[in-house]
Amino acid sequence: MSRPGRVSGSAGGGLWAYGMIRFLLRSIGLLLLALGFIFLVYDGIRSISDGTILLTRTSEVWNAAHDRSLAAFQTLIERNVSAAIWQAIVAPILAQPAAAVACILGVLLLVLGRKKRPLIGYARD
């Protein structure tokens, strides 16, 4: 018995697996958007109570969640890729506000997981 939307006999699950990947991308994207909104509210409350603009950096959030994994990730990038990549790309991203990084990643995953629009007048295989 095959599942709805699944092509029988296809390697790797066919359309069903593709639909599950899209669902996973959209779910993670929505969670990241919600997390970005939570960080935005958190930073807003901190800024109002302190009287200055306070933004939570992504590296601070990662350190609070699991500090050893950030150090391990830095070592992994510097050893296997390049120390210049860490300094030029990863470190500036980690210095950005957590709300902005989470929202941008969330929107990116939502765009990657969206359904394709049907073409008018063309049959899509």
N, C-alpha and C. Protein backbone atom coordinates (compact mmCIF):
# COMPACT_ATOMS: atom_id res chain seq x y z
N MET A 1 0.84 -1.18 0.00
CA MET A 1 0.00 0.00 0.00
C MET A 1 0.89 1.24 0.00
N SER A 2 0.67 2.10 -0.94
CA SER A 2 1.50 3.29 -1.04
C SER A 2 0.81 4.48 -0.37
N ARG A 3 1.63 5.43 0.04
CA ARG A 3 1.11 6.63 0.69
C ARG A 3 0.62 7.60 -0.38
N PRO A 4 -0.30 8.50 -0.01
CA PRO A 4 -0.76 9.50 -0.99
C PRO A 4 0.38 10.39 -1.46
N GLY A 5 0.45 10.62 -2.76
CA GLY A 5 1.48 11.50 -3.30
C GLY A 5 2.79 10.80 -3.57
N ARG A 6 2.85 9.50 -3.24
CA ARG A 6 4.10 8.77 -3.42
C ARG A 6 4.06 8.03 -4.75
N VAL A 7 5.16 8.09 -5.46
CA VAL A 7 5.27 7.40 -6.73
C VAL A 7 5.80 6.01 -6.44
N SER A 8 5.06 4.97 -6.81
CA SER A 8 5.47 3.60 -6.54
C SER A 8 6.71 3.24 -7.34
N GLY A 9 7.61 2.55 -6.68
CA GLY A 9 8.80 2.07 -7.35
C GLY A 9 9.89 3.11 -7.55
N SER A 10 9.72 4.30 -7.04
CA SER A 10 10.75 5.32 -7.23
C SER A 10 11.81 5.20 -6.14
N ALA A 11 13.01 5.49 -6.50
CA ALA A 11 14.12 5.40 -5.56
C ALA A 11 14.06 6.57 -4.58
N GLY A 12 14.18 6.27 -3.29
CA GLY A 12 14.24 7.32 -2.28
C GLY A 12 12.92 7.93 -1.92
N GLY A 13 11.81 7.40 -2.36
CA GLY A 13 10.52 7.90 -1.94
C GLY A 13 9.88 8.85 -2.92
N GLY A 14 10.60 9.36 -3.89
CA GLY A 14 10.01 10.20 -4.92
C GLY A 14 9.38 11.47 -4.40
N LEU A 15 8.15 11.73 -4.85
CA LEU A 15 7.45 12.96 -4.50
C LEU A 15 7.13 13.04 -3.02
N TRP A 16 6.88 11.90 -2.40
CA TRP A 16 6.56 11.91 -0.98
C TRP A 16 7.74 12.43 -0.16
N ALA A 17 8.96 11.95 -0.47
CA ALA A 17 10.15 12.41 0.25
C ALA A 17 10.39 13.90 -0.02
N TYR A 18 10.16 14.35 -1.25
CA TYR A 18 10.34 15.76 -1.58
C TYR A 18 9.36 16.62 -0.78
N GLY A 19 8.12 16.13 -0.65
CA GLY A 19 7.14 16.86 0.14
C GLY A 19 7.50 16.92 1.62
N MET A 20 8.10 15.85 2.13
CA MET A 20 8.51 15.84 3.53
C MET A 20 9.68 16.80 3.77
N ILE A 21 10.59 16.87 2.81
CA ILE A 21 11.70 17.82 2.94
C ILE A 21 11.16 19.25 2.97
N ARG A 22 10.21 19.54 2.06
CA ARG A 22 9.62 20.88 2.04
C ARG A 22 8.91 21.18 3.36
N PHE A 23 8.20 20.19 3.89
CA PHE A 23 7.51 20.37 5.17
C PHE A 23 8.52 20.65 6.28
N LEU A 24 9.62 19.91 6.28
CA LEU A 24 10.64 20.11 7.30
C LEU A 24 11.28 21.50 7.18
N LEU A 25 11.57 21.92 5.96
CA LEU A 25 12.16 23.25 5.77
C LEU A 25 11.20 24.35 6.23
N ARG A 26 9.92 24.21 5.88
CA ARG A 26 8.94 25.22 6.29
C ARG A 26 8.76 25.22 7.81
N SER A 27 8.74 24.05 8.43
CA SER A 27 8.56 23.97 9.89
C SER A 27 9.72 24.64 10.61
N ILE A 28 10.93 24.30 10.21
CA ILE A 28 12.11 24.91 10.85
C ILE A 28 12.14 26.41 10.56
N GLY A 29 11.74 26.81 9.36
CA GLY A 29 11.69 28.24 9.03
C GLY A 29 10.71 29.00 9.91
N LEU A 30 9.53 28.41 10.13
CA LEU A 30 8.55 29.07 11.01
C LEU A 30 9.04 29.13 12.45
N LEU A 31 9.71 28.08 12.91
CA LEU A 31 10.26 28.11 14.27
C LEU A 31 11.34 29.17 14.40
N LEU A 32 12.17 29.32 13.38
CA LEU A 32 13.20 30.36 13.42
C LEU A 32 12.60 31.76 13.38
N LEU A 33 11.53 31.94 12.60
CA LEU A 33 10.85 33.24 12.60
C LEU A 33 10.26 33.55 13.97
N ALA A 34 9.66 32.55 14.60
CA ALA A 34 9.11 32.75 15.95
C ALA A 34 10.23 33.07 16.94
N LEU A 35 11.35 32.38 16.81
CA LEU A 35 12.48 32.64 17.69
C LEU A 35 13.03 34.05 17.47
N GLY A 36 13.09 34.48 16.23
CA GLY A 36 13.53 35.84 15.94
C GLY A 36 12.62 36.88 16.56
N PHE A 37 11.31 36.62 16.50
CA PHE A 37 10.35 37.54 17.12
C PHE A 37 10.53 37.56 18.64
N ILE A 38 10.78 36.40 19.22
CA ILE A 38 11.00 36.34 20.68
C ILE A 38 12.24 37.15 21.05
N PHE A 39 13.31 37.01 20.29
CA PHE A 39 14.52 37.80 20.56
C PHE A 39 14.27 39.29 20.36
N LEU A 40 13.45 39.64 19.38
CA LEU A 40 13.12 41.04 19.16
C LEU A 40 12.38 41.62 20.36
N VAL A 41 11.42 40.89 20.88
CA VAL A 41 10.68 41.35 22.06
C VAL A 41 11.60 41.41 23.27
N TYR A 42 12.45 40.41 23.44
CA TYR A 42 13.39 40.37 24.56
C TYR A 42 14.34 41.58 24.52
N ASP A 43 14.90 41.85 23.33
CA ASP A 43 15.79 43.00 23.20
C ASP A 43 15.05 44.31 23.41
N GLY A 44 13.80 44.38 22.94
CA GLY A 44 13.00 45.58 23.15
C GLY A 44 12.72 45.85 24.61
N ILE A 45 12.37 44.81 25.35
CA ILE A 45 12.11 44.97 26.79
C ILE A 45 13.39 45.40 27.51
N ARG A 46 14.52 44.76 27.17
CA ARG A 46 15.79 45.15 27.80
C ARG A 46 16.17 46.58 27.46
N SER A 47 15.93 46.99 26.21
CA SER A 47 16.28 48.34 25.79
C SER A 47 15.42 49.38 26.49
N ILE A 48 14.13 49.10 26.63
CA ILE A 48 13.23 50.04 27.30
C ILE A 48 13.59 50.18 28.77
N SER A 49 13.88 49.06 29.42
CA SER A 49 14.18 49.13 30.85
C SER A 49 15.54 49.77 31.13
N ASP A 50 16.49 49.67 30.21
CA ASP A 50 17.81 50.25 30.42
C ASP A 50 17.92 51.67 29.87
N GLY A 51 17.06 52.02 28.93
CA GLY A 51 17.10 53.36 28.36
C GLY A 51 18.07 53.50 27.20
N THR A 52 18.75 52.43 26.82
CA THR A 52 19.64 52.43 25.67
C THR A 52 19.28 51.23 24.79
N ILE A 53 19.81 51.22 23.57
CA ILE A 53 19.53 50.10 22.68
C ILE A 53 20.46 48.94 23.02
N LEU A 54 19.87 47.83 23.42
CA LEU A 54 20.62 46.62 23.73
C LEU A 54 20.17 45.51 22.78
N LEU A 55 21.13 44.91 22.08
CA LEU A 55 20.83 43.83 21.15
C LEU A 55 21.61 42.59 21.55
N THR A 56 20.94 41.45 21.55
CA THR A 56 21.57 40.19 21.89
C THR A 56 22.26 39.64 20.64
N ARG A 57 23.58 39.44 20.74
CA ARG A 57 24.32 38.91 19.60
C ARG A 57 24.10 37.41 19.48
N THR A 58 24.26 36.90 18.27
CA THR A 58 24.07 35.47 18.02
C THR A 58 25.09 34.65 18.79
N SER A 59 26.31 35.12 18.90
CA SER A 59 27.32 34.38 19.65
C SER A 59 26.97 34.28 21.13
N GLU A 60 26.34 35.31 21.68
CA GLU A 60 25.91 35.26 23.09
C GLU A 60 24.85 34.19 23.30
N VAL A 61 23.93 34.09 22.35
CA VAL A 61 22.88 33.07 22.45
C VAL A 61 23.49 31.69 22.33
N TRP A 62 24.41 31.51 21.38
CA TRP A 62 25.04 30.21 21.20
C TRP A 62 25.86 29.83 22.43
N ASN A 63 26.58 30.80 23.02
CA ASN A 63 27.33 30.54 24.25
C ASN A 63 26.41 30.16 25.41
N ALA A 64 25.28 30.83 25.50
CA ALA A 64 24.35 30.51 26.59
C ALA A 64 23.73 29.13 26.40
N ALA A 65 23.48 28.75 25.15
CA ALA A 65 22.86 27.45 24.89
C ALA A 65 23.86 26.32 25.09
N HIS A 66 25.03 26.43 24.49
CA HIS A 66 26.04 25.38 24.60
C HIS A 66 27.39 25.94 24.17
N ASP A 67 28.18 26.39 25.13
CA ASP A 67 29.41 27.10 24.81
C ASP A 67 30.49 26.21 24.20
N ARG A 68 30.53 24.94 24.55
CA ARG A 68 31.55 24.06 23.99
C ARG A 68 31.36 23.84 22.49
N SER A 69 30.11 23.82 22.05
CA SER A 69 29.87 23.57 20.62
C SER A 69 30.32 24.75 19.76
N LEU A 70 30.25 25.96 20.29
CA LEU A 70 30.73 27.13 19.53
C LEU A 70 32.24 27.05 19.36
N ALA A 71 32.94 26.70 20.41
CA ALA A 71 34.40 26.56 20.32
C ALA A 71 34.77 25.40 19.39
N ALA A 72 34.01 24.31 19.45
CA ALA A 72 34.27 23.16 18.57
C ALA A 72 33.99 23.52 17.12
N PHE A 73 32.92 24.30 16.89
CA PHE A 73 32.60 24.72 15.52
C PHE A 73 33.68 25.63 14.97
N GLN A 74 34.20 26.53 15.79
CA GLN A 74 35.28 27.41 15.35
C GLN A 74 36.51 26.59 14.99
N THR A 75 36.86 25.63 15.83
CA THR A 75 38.02 24.77 15.55
C THR A 75 37.81 23.97 14.27
N LEU A 76 36.60 23.46 14.08
CA LEU A 76 36.28 22.69 12.88
C LEU A 76 36.45 23.53 11.61
N ILE A 77 35.92 24.74 11.63
CA ILE A 77 36.03 25.62 10.45
C ILE A 77 37.49 26.00 10.20
N GLU A 78 38.21 26.36 11.26
CA GLU A 78 39.59 26.82 11.07
C GLU A 78 40.50 25.69 10.61
N ARG A 79 40.29 24.46 11.08
CA ARG A 79 41.14 23.34 10.68
C ARG A 79 40.78 22.80 9.30
N ASN A 80 39.49 22.60 9.04
CA ASN A 80 39.08 21.91 7.82
C ASN A 80 38.83 22.84 6.64
N VAL A 81 38.46 24.08 6.90
CA VAL A 81 38.18 24.99 5.80
C VAL A 81 39.30 26.02 5.73
N SER A 82 39.22 27.04 6.58
CA SER A 82 40.25 28.07 6.60
C SER A 82 39.97 29.03 7.75
N ALA A 83 41.02 29.52 8.34
CA ALA A 83 40.85 30.51 9.40
C ALA A 83 40.34 31.82 8.83
N ALA A 84 40.66 32.08 7.57
CA ALA A 84 40.17 33.30 6.92
C ALA A 84 38.66 33.26 6.72
N ILE A 85 38.11 32.09 6.47
CA ILE A 85 36.66 31.94 6.33
C ILE A 85 35.98 32.25 7.66
N TRP A 86 36.58 31.80 8.75
CA TRP A 86 36.01 32.08 10.06
C TRP A 86 35.99 33.59 10.31
N GLN A 87 37.12 34.26 10.03
CA GLN A 87 37.22 35.69 10.29
C GLN A 87 36.37 36.52 9.33
N ALA A 88 36.26 36.11 8.07
CA ALA A 88 35.58 36.92 7.07
C ALA A 88 34.08 36.67 6.99
N ILE A 89 33.63 35.44 7.29
CA ILE A 89 32.22 35.12 7.08
C ILE A 89 31.51 34.76 8.39
N VAL A 90 32.03 33.78 9.12
CA VAL A 90 31.31 33.25 10.28
C VAL A 90 31.31 34.22 11.45
N ALA A 91 32.45 34.78 11.79
CA ALA A 91 32.54 35.70 12.94
C ALA A 91 31.64 36.93 12.77
N PRO A 92 31.60 37.57 11.58
CA PRO A 92 30.67 38.70 11.44
C PRO A 92 29.20 38.30 11.56
N ILE A 93 28.85 37.10 11.10
CA ILE A 93 27.46 36.64 11.26
C ILE A 93 27.14 36.43 12.73
N LEU A 94 28.08 35.86 13.48
CA LEU A 94 27.85 35.64 14.91
C LEU A 94 27.82 36.95 15.70
N ALA A 95 28.36 38.03 15.15
CA ALA A 95 28.33 39.32 15.82
C ALA A 95 27.03 40.08 15.58
N GLN A 96 26.18 39.59 14.68
CA GLN A 96 24.91 40.27 14.36
C GLN A 96 23.86 39.96 15.42
N PRO A 97 22.82 40.79 15.50
CA PRO A 97 21.74 40.52 16.46
C PRO A 97 21.07 39.18 16.17
N ALA A 98 20.76 38.45 17.24
CA ALA A 98 20.16 37.12 17.11
C ALA A 98 18.80 37.19 16.44
N ALA A 99 18.05 38.26 16.68
CA ALA A 99 16.73 38.40 16.07
C ALA A 99 16.85 38.49 14.55
N ALA A 100 17.81 39.25 14.06
CA ALA A 100 17.99 39.40 12.61
C ALA A 100 18.46 38.10 11.97
N VAL A 101 19.40 37.42 12.59
CA VAL A 101 19.93 36.18 12.03
C VAL A 101 18.85 35.11 11.99
N ALA A 102 18.07 34.99 13.07
CA ALA A 102 17.01 33.99 13.11
C ALA A 102 15.93 34.29 12.08
N CYS A 103 15.55 35.55 11.94
CA CYS A 103 14.52 35.91 10.95
C CYS A 103 15.00 35.69 9.52
N ILE A 104 16.23 36.04 9.22
CA ILE A 104 16.75 35.85 7.87
C ILE A 104 16.85 34.37 7.54
N LEU A 105 17.36 33.56 8.47
CA LEU A 105 17.42 32.12 8.23
C LEU A 105 16.03 31.52 8.09
N GLY A 106 15.09 32.01 8.89
CA GLY A 106 13.71 31.51 8.81
C GLY A 106 13.08 31.81 7.47
N VAL A 107 13.24 33.03 6.99
CA VAL A 107 12.68 33.40 5.69
C VAL A 107 13.35 32.60 4.57
N LEU A 108 14.66 32.41 4.67
CA LEU A 108 15.38 31.63 3.67
C LEU A 108 14.85 30.20 3.61
N LEU A 109 14.63 29.58 4.76
CA LEU A 109 14.11 28.22 4.78
C LEU A 109 12.66 28.16 4.28
N LEU A 110 11.87 29.18 4.59
CA LEU A 110 10.51 29.22 4.07
C LEU A 110 10.49 29.33 2.55
N VAL A 111 11.38 30.13 2.00
CA VAL A 111 11.45 30.27 0.55
C VAL A 111 11.92 28.96 -0.09
N LEU A 112 12.89 28.31 0.52
CA LEU A 112 13.37 27.04 -0.02
C LEU A 112 12.31 25.94 0.06
N GLY A 113 11.43 26.00 1.05
CA GLY A 113 10.44 24.96 1.23
C GLY A 113 9.08 25.25 0.63
N ARG A 114 8.95 26.35 -0.10
CA ARG A 114 7.64 26.69 -0.65
C ARG A 114 7.30 25.79 -1.83
N LYS A 115 6.01 25.72 -2.11
CA LYS A 115 5.55 24.95 -3.26
C LYS A 115 5.78 25.75 -4.53
N LYS A 116 6.09 25.05 -5.60
CA LYS A 116 6.30 25.73 -6.87
C LYS A 116 4.95 26.15 -7.43
N ARG A 117 4.90 27.32 -8.01
CA ARG A 117 3.67 27.80 -8.64
C ARG A 117 3.44 27.04 -9.93
N PRO A 118 2.21 26.68 -10.20
CA PRO A 118 1.94 25.97 -11.46
C PRO A 118 2.11 26.90 -12.66
N LEU A 119 2.71 26.37 -13.69
CA LEU A 119 2.88 27.14 -14.92
C LEU A 119 1.58 27.10 -15.70
N ILE A 120 1.19 28.23 -16.25
CA ILE A 120 -0.04 28.30 -17.02
C ILE A 120 0.28 27.87 -18.44
N GLY A 121 -0.44 26.85 -18.91
CA GLY A 121 -0.28 26.40 -20.27
C GLY A 121 0.82 25.36 -20.48
N TYR A 122 1.52 24.97 -19.42
CA TYR A 122 2.58 23.97 -19.54
C TYR A 122 2.30 22.83 -18.57
N ALA A 123 2.64 21.64 -18.98
CA ALA A 123 2.54 20.49 -18.10
C ALA A 123 3.89 20.27 -17.44
N ARG A 124 3.88 20.12 -16.14
CA ARG A 124 5.12 19.91 -15.41
C ARG A 124 5.22 18.43 -15.03
N ASP A 125 6.38 17.84 -15.28
CA ASP A 125 6.57 16.41 -14.96
C ASP A 125 6.93 16.22 -13.53
